């Protein structure tokens, strides 16, 4: 069965900037979904900010193996209720790929628990992306490094928690470097941040970039067969239900079988 991927796009620049709409007539989200659908193992659809529930209803997220997130100009317009819905599904086992300026998305900052801030410069300079974890599944089939002739610079320090794994590091023509491909586990879900993707450049038409995203979708997919059903649950296990026979020793704040938190 194909991996069910949803590409979420803010879909603002495409409506207001001719350069962006010329590069991505079907939206950045549409270009990304098209690239993913070239892989027979992925079935990618799109969702946008302007749809009811931003296209991310409880029912849709329950059927989503991996969610890709691109946002920039309208992070604040994303409803907090939808943010929490997405976060809970990541905790339960849904994969999440956060792209480019999605580093400031509410969803990413909520999961990271840090400001996710960085240095930046929009000069259309060359970016050289190095695979620094060559055996990682996300780097599979990619060269040691590849270049994007025009990109926006992001520079360290990057205000994120220390990644579980760093897969890519970027060097920019102006001299900065950046951890441009990093992974984390959050609950039962896998999270991958990938830096390239400024809207005024043809980044999402680049074969290597699309290869990274395709690999990352496969990596982030847990299958959701073992989803955590109640991510907030902290159930009490009574003495009588312990796997091995035990007796109560000492005082307790809770009655046998009582719900509560330690």
Protein backbone atom coordinates (compact mmCIF):
# COMPACT_ATOMS: atom_id res chain seq x y z
CA UNK A 1 0.00 0.00 0.00
CA UNK A 2 1.34 3.43 -0.93
CA UNK A 3 2.37 5.90 1.74
CA UNK A 4 -0.33 8.53 2.19
CA UNK A 5 1.48 11.90 2.18
CA UNK A 6 -0.18 15.30 2.50
CA UNK A 7 1.73 18.40 1.36
CA UNK A 8 0.52 21.43 3.28
CA UNK A 9 1.14 24.79 1.62
CA UNK A 10 0.46 28.24 2.90
CA UNK A 11 -0.51 29.24 -0.66
CA UNK A 12 -0.04 32.98 -0.10
CA UNK A 13 2.97 33.98 -2.23
CA UNK A 14 1.54 32.03 -5.16
CA UNK A 15 -1.47 34.37 -5.11
CA UNK A 16 0.43 37.64 -4.66
CA UNK A 17 3.81 37.34 -6.40
CA UNK A 18 4.15 36.79 -10.16
CA UNK A 19 7.65 35.33 -9.87
CA UNK A 20 6.34 32.64 -7.56
CA UNK A 21 3.21 31.92 -9.58
CA UNK A 22 5.26 31.65 -12.78
CA UNK A 23 7.68 29.20 -11.16
CA UNK A 24 4.93 27.23 -9.42
CA UNK A 25 1.64 27.59 -11.33
CA UNK A 26 0.15 24.80 -9.20
CA UNK A 27 1.65 26.22 -6.02
CA UNK A 28 4.75 25.09 -4.18
CA UNK A 29 2.62 22.41 -2.56
CA UNK A 30 1.51 21.21 -5.98
CA UNK A 31 5.08 20.98 -7.28
CA UNK A 32 6.19 19.03 -4.21
CA UNK A 33 3.24 16.64 -4.45
CA UNK A 34 3.94 16.08 -8.15
CA UNK A 35 7.55 15.22 -7.38
CA UNK A 36 6.52 12.78 -4.64
CA UNK A 37 3.93 11.12 -6.86
CA UNK A 38 6.72 10.16 -9.28
CA UNK A 39 7.52 7.48 -6.70
CA UNK A 40 5.16 4.53 -7.02
CA UNK A 41 5.31 3.98 -3.28
CA UNK A 42 3.87 7.40 -2.40
CA UNK A 43 0.41 8.86 -2.90
CA UNK A 44 0.63 12.60 -2.29
CA UNK A 45 -2.22 15.10 -2.07
CA UNK A 46 -2.28 18.75 -0.98
CA UNK A 47 -3.89 20.96 1.63
CA UNK A 48 -3.73 24.74 2.05
CA UNK A 49 -4.21 27.43 4.64
CA UNK A 50 -7.35 28.73 2.93
CA UNK A 51 -9.35 25.50 3.27
CA UNK A 52 -11.67 24.82 6.23
CA UNK A 53 -9.50 23.55 9.10
CA UNK A 54 -6.58 24.45 6.77
CA UNK A 55 -7.34 21.16 5.02
CA UNK A 56 -6.22 19.21 8.10
CA UNK A 57 -9.34 17.77 9.69
CA UNK A 58 -9.10 15.08 12.34
CA UNK A 59 -10.34 12.54 9.82
CA UNK A 60 -7.73 13.47 7.22
CA UNK A 61 -4.83 13.48 9.64
CA UNK A 62 -5.89 10.06 10.92
CA UNK A 63 -5.32 8.76 7.37
CA UNK A 64 -2.03 10.62 6.84
CA UNK A 65 1.25 8.72 7.15
CA UNK A 66 3.48 11.74 6.54
CA UNK A 67 2.66 15.46 6.54
CA UNK A 68 4.93 17.95 4.74
CA UNK A 69 4.71 21.58 5.87
CA UNK A 70 5.69 24.71 3.90
CA UNK A 71 4.86 28.13 5.37
CA UNK A 72 6.36 31.61 5.40
CA UNK A 73 4.21 34.74 5.40
CA UNK A 74 1.21 33.57 7.41
CA UNK A 75 2.47 31.47 10.32
CA UNK A 76 0.27 33.51 12.66
CA UNK A 77 -2.85 32.74 10.63
CA UNK A 78 -2.65 29.03 11.38
CA UNK A 79 -5.29 28.21 13.99
CA UNK A 80 -3.92 26.96 17.30
CA UNK A 81 -6.53 24.20 17.35
CA UNK A 82 -5.14 22.82 14.09
CA UNK A 83 -1.58 23.11 15.41
CA UNK A 84 -2.45 21.02 18.45
CA UNK A 85 -4.26 18.51 16.25
CA UNK A 86 -1.15 18.06 14.10
CA UNK A 87 1.14 17.81 17.13
CA UNK A 88 -1.02 15.10 18.70
CA UNK A 89 -0.90 13.09 15.47
CA UNK A 90 2.90 13.37 15.38
CA UNK A 91 3.04 12.16 18.97
CA UNK A 92 0.78 9.28 17.95
CA UNK A 93 3.00 8.21 15.03
CA UNK A 94 2.48 10.48 11.99
CA UNK A 95 5.68 11.61 10.25
CA UNK A 96 6.33 15.34 9.75
CA UNK A 97 8.64 17.01 7.22
CA UNK A 98 9.13 20.74 7.83
CA UNK A 99 10.44 22.68 4.84
CA UNK A 100 12.48 25.89 4.53
CA UNK A 101 10.77 28.81 6.33
CA UNK A 102 8.57 26.32 8.11
CA UNK A 103 11.25 26.56 10.81
CA UNK A 104 9.09 29.39 12.22
CA UNK A 105 5.80 27.49 11.86
CA UNK A 106 3.79 27.09 15.05
CA UNK A 107 3.80 23.33 14.56
CA UNK A 108 7.60 23.08 14.38
CA UNK A 109 8.22 25.47 17.28
CA UNK A 110 5.67 23.60 19.39
CA UNK A 111 7.40 20.27 18.76
CA UNK A 112 10.92 21.64 19.20
CA UNK A 113 10.16 23.74 22.29
CA UNK A 114 12.73 26.35 21.20
CA UNK A 115 12.68 29.64 19.23
CA UNK A 116 13.95 27.98 16.00
CA UNK A 117 15.54 31.32 15.04
CA UNK A 118 18.43 31.81 12.59
CA UNK A 119 20.33 34.30 10.43
CA UNK A 120 19.16 34.85 6.85
CA UNK A 121 19.90 36.77 3.65
CA UNK A 122 17.95 36.82 0.39
CA UNK A 123 20.58 37.26 -2.31
CA UNK A 124 20.02 34.32 -4.64
CA UNK A 125 23.46 32.93 -3.80
CA UNK A 126 24.87 29.47 -4.41
CA UNK A 127 24.15 26.81 -1.79
CA UNK A 128 26.26 23.65 -1.58
CA UNK A 129 24.51 20.90 0.38
CA UNK A 130 26.79 18.23 1.86
CA UNK A 131 25.62 14.76 2.86
CA UNK A 132 27.35 14.34 6.21
CA UNK A 133 25.55 11.10 7.10
CA UNK A 134 26.02 9.16 3.89
CA UNK A 135 24.44 5.92 5.13
CA UNK A 136 21.27 7.58 6.38
CA UNK A 137 18.12 6.50 4.49
CA UNK A 138 17.31 10.14 3.67
CA UNK A 139 20.68 10.48 1.87
CA UNK A 140 20.26 7.26 -0.12
CA UNK A 141 21.14 7.65 -3.81
CA UNK A 142 22.38 11.21 -3.41
CA UNK A 143 25.88 12.46 -4.29
CA UNK A 144 28.38 13.51 -1.65
CA UNK A 145 27.22 17.07 -2.28
CA UNK A 146 24.98 18.94 -4.70
CA UNK A 147 24.47 22.62 -5.46
CA UNK A 148 21.56 24.98 -5.89
CA UNK A 149 22.66 27.98 -7.93
CA UNK A 150 20.16 30.37 -6.35
CA UNK A 151 18.87 30.11 -2.80
CA UNK A 152 18.16 32.15 0.29
CA UNK A 153 20.88 31.94 2.95
CA UNK A 154 20.14 30.54 6.37
CA UNK A 155 23.02 30.74 8.82
CA UNK A 156 23.98 29.37 12.21
CA UNK A 157 23.31 29.56 15.05
CA UNK A 158 20.02 27.76 14.48
CA UNK A 159 17.86 27.80 17.61
CA UNK A 160 16.79 24.16 17.62
CA UNK A 161 17.32 21.32 20.09
CA UNK A 162 20.35 19.19 19.29
CA UNK A 163 19.18 16.92 16.43
CA UNK A 164 19.05 13.18 16.87
CA UNK A 165 20.81 13.01 13.51
CA UNK A 166 22.28 15.63 11.19
CA UNK A 167 21.98 14.43 7.60
CA UNK A 168 22.92 17.55 5.59
CA UNK A 169 25.00 20.68 6.16
CA UNK A 170 24.90 23.64 3.77
CA UNK A 171 27.61 26.09 2.78
CA UNK A 172 26.62 29.39 1.20
CA UNK A 173 28.47 31.60 -1.25
CA UNK A 174 28.63 34.35 1.37
CA UNK A 175 30.49 32.04 3.75
CA UNK A 176 27.83 30.86 6.22
CA UNK A 177 27.06 27.24 7.10
CA UNK A 178 23.82 25.69 8.32
CA UNK A 179 22.43 22.37 9.59
CA UNK A 180 20.07 22.01 6.68
CA UNK A 181 18.84 18.45 7.24
CA UNK A 182 18.09 17.25 10.77
CA UNK A 183 15.92 14.62 12.42
CA UNK A 184 14.15 14.14 15.74
CA UNK A 185 11.75 11.70 17.37
CA UNK A 186 8.73 13.26 19.03
CA UNK A 187 6.56 10.72 20.80
CA UNK A 188 6.00 7.91 18.31
CA UNK A 189 6.50 10.22 15.29
CA UNK A 190 9.56 11.12 13.24
CA UNK A 191 10.37 14.74 12.32
CA UNK A 192 12.73 15.93 9.57
CA UNK A 193 13.62 19.54 8.84
CA UNK A 194 15.00 20.34 5.35
CA UNK A 195 16.23 23.87 4.66
CA UNK A 196 16.11 24.58 0.85
CA UNK A 197 12.92 25.89 -0.70
CA UNK A 198 12.73 29.68 -1.02
CA UNK A 199 9.65 30.47 -3.08
CA UNK A 200 11.26 32.75 -5.71
CA UNK A 201 13.73 30.07 -6.86
CA UNK A 202 13.07 26.78 -8.72
CA UNK A 203 14.26 24.63 -5.80
CA UNK A 204 11.32 22.23 -5.88
CA UNK A 205 12.02 21.43 -9.52
CA UNK A 206 15.52 20.18 -8.62
CA UNK A 207 15.93 16.40 -8.88
CA UNK A 208 18.20 16.12 -5.84
CA UNK A 209 15.84 18.13 -3.65
CA UNK A 210 12.91 15.96 -4.72
CA UNK A 211 15.02 12.87 -4.04
CA UNK A 212 15.66 14.09 -0.49
CA UNK A 213 11.93 14.65 0.07
CA UNK A 214 11.01 11.28 -1.41
CA UNK A 215 13.56 9.50 0.76
CA UNK A 216 12.40 11.46 3.80
CA UNK A 217 8.76 10.48 3.28
CA UNK A 218 9.77 6.80 3.26
CA UNK A 219 11.96 7.33 6.34
CA UNK A 220 9.28 9.20 8.31
CA UNK A 221 6.51 6.72 7.60
CA UNK A 222 5.90 4.44 10.59
CA UNK A 223 2.90 2.78 8.96
CA UNK A 224 0.82 4.03 11.91
CA UNK A 225 -0.22 0.45 12.67
CA UNK A 226 1.12 0.91 16.19
CA UNK A 227 -0.23 4.43 16.75
CA UNK A 228 -0.47 5.58 20.34
CA UNK A 229 -4.21 5.81 20.79
CA UNK A 230 -4.34 8.30 23.66
CA UNK A 231 -1.17 10.37 23.71
CA UNK A 232 -2.15 12.14 26.96
CA UNK A 233 -3.02 9.02 28.93
CA UNK A 234 -1.11 8.26 32.15
CA UNK A 235 -3.12 5.28 33.43
CA UNK A 236 -2.86 3.91 36.94
CA UNK A 237 -2.01 0.19 37.11
CA UNK A 238 -3.54 -1.20 40.31
CA UNK A 239 -1.59 -3.59 42.52
CA UNK A 240 -4.08 -6.31 41.63
CA UNK A 241 -3.23 -5.94 37.92
CA UNK A 242 0.56 -6.10 38.22
CA UNK A 243 2.11 -8.77 36.00
CA UNK A 244 3.87 -10.31 38.99
CA UNK A 245 2.16 -10.74 42.39
CA UNK A 246 2.96 -7.86 44.75
CA UNK A 247 1.54 -6.37 47.95
CA UNK A 248 0.92 -2.74 48.76
CA UNK A 249 3.78 -1.39 50.92
CA UNK A 250 3.49 2.02 52.51
CA UNK A 251 0.96 4.78 52.17
CA UNK A 252 -0.56 5.76 48.82
CA UNK A 253 -2.41 8.85 47.66
CA UNK A 254 -4.73 6.87 45.42
CA UNK A 255 -7.37 4.26 45.96
CA UNK A 256 -7.16 0.96 44.09
CA UNK A 257 -7.98 1.63 40.41
CA UNK A 258 -8.39 5.37 40.90
CA UNK A 259 -7.50 7.60 37.97
CA UNK A 260 -4.75 10.09 38.62
CA UNK A 261 -1.31 11.35 37.71
CA UNK A 262 2.02 10.73 39.41
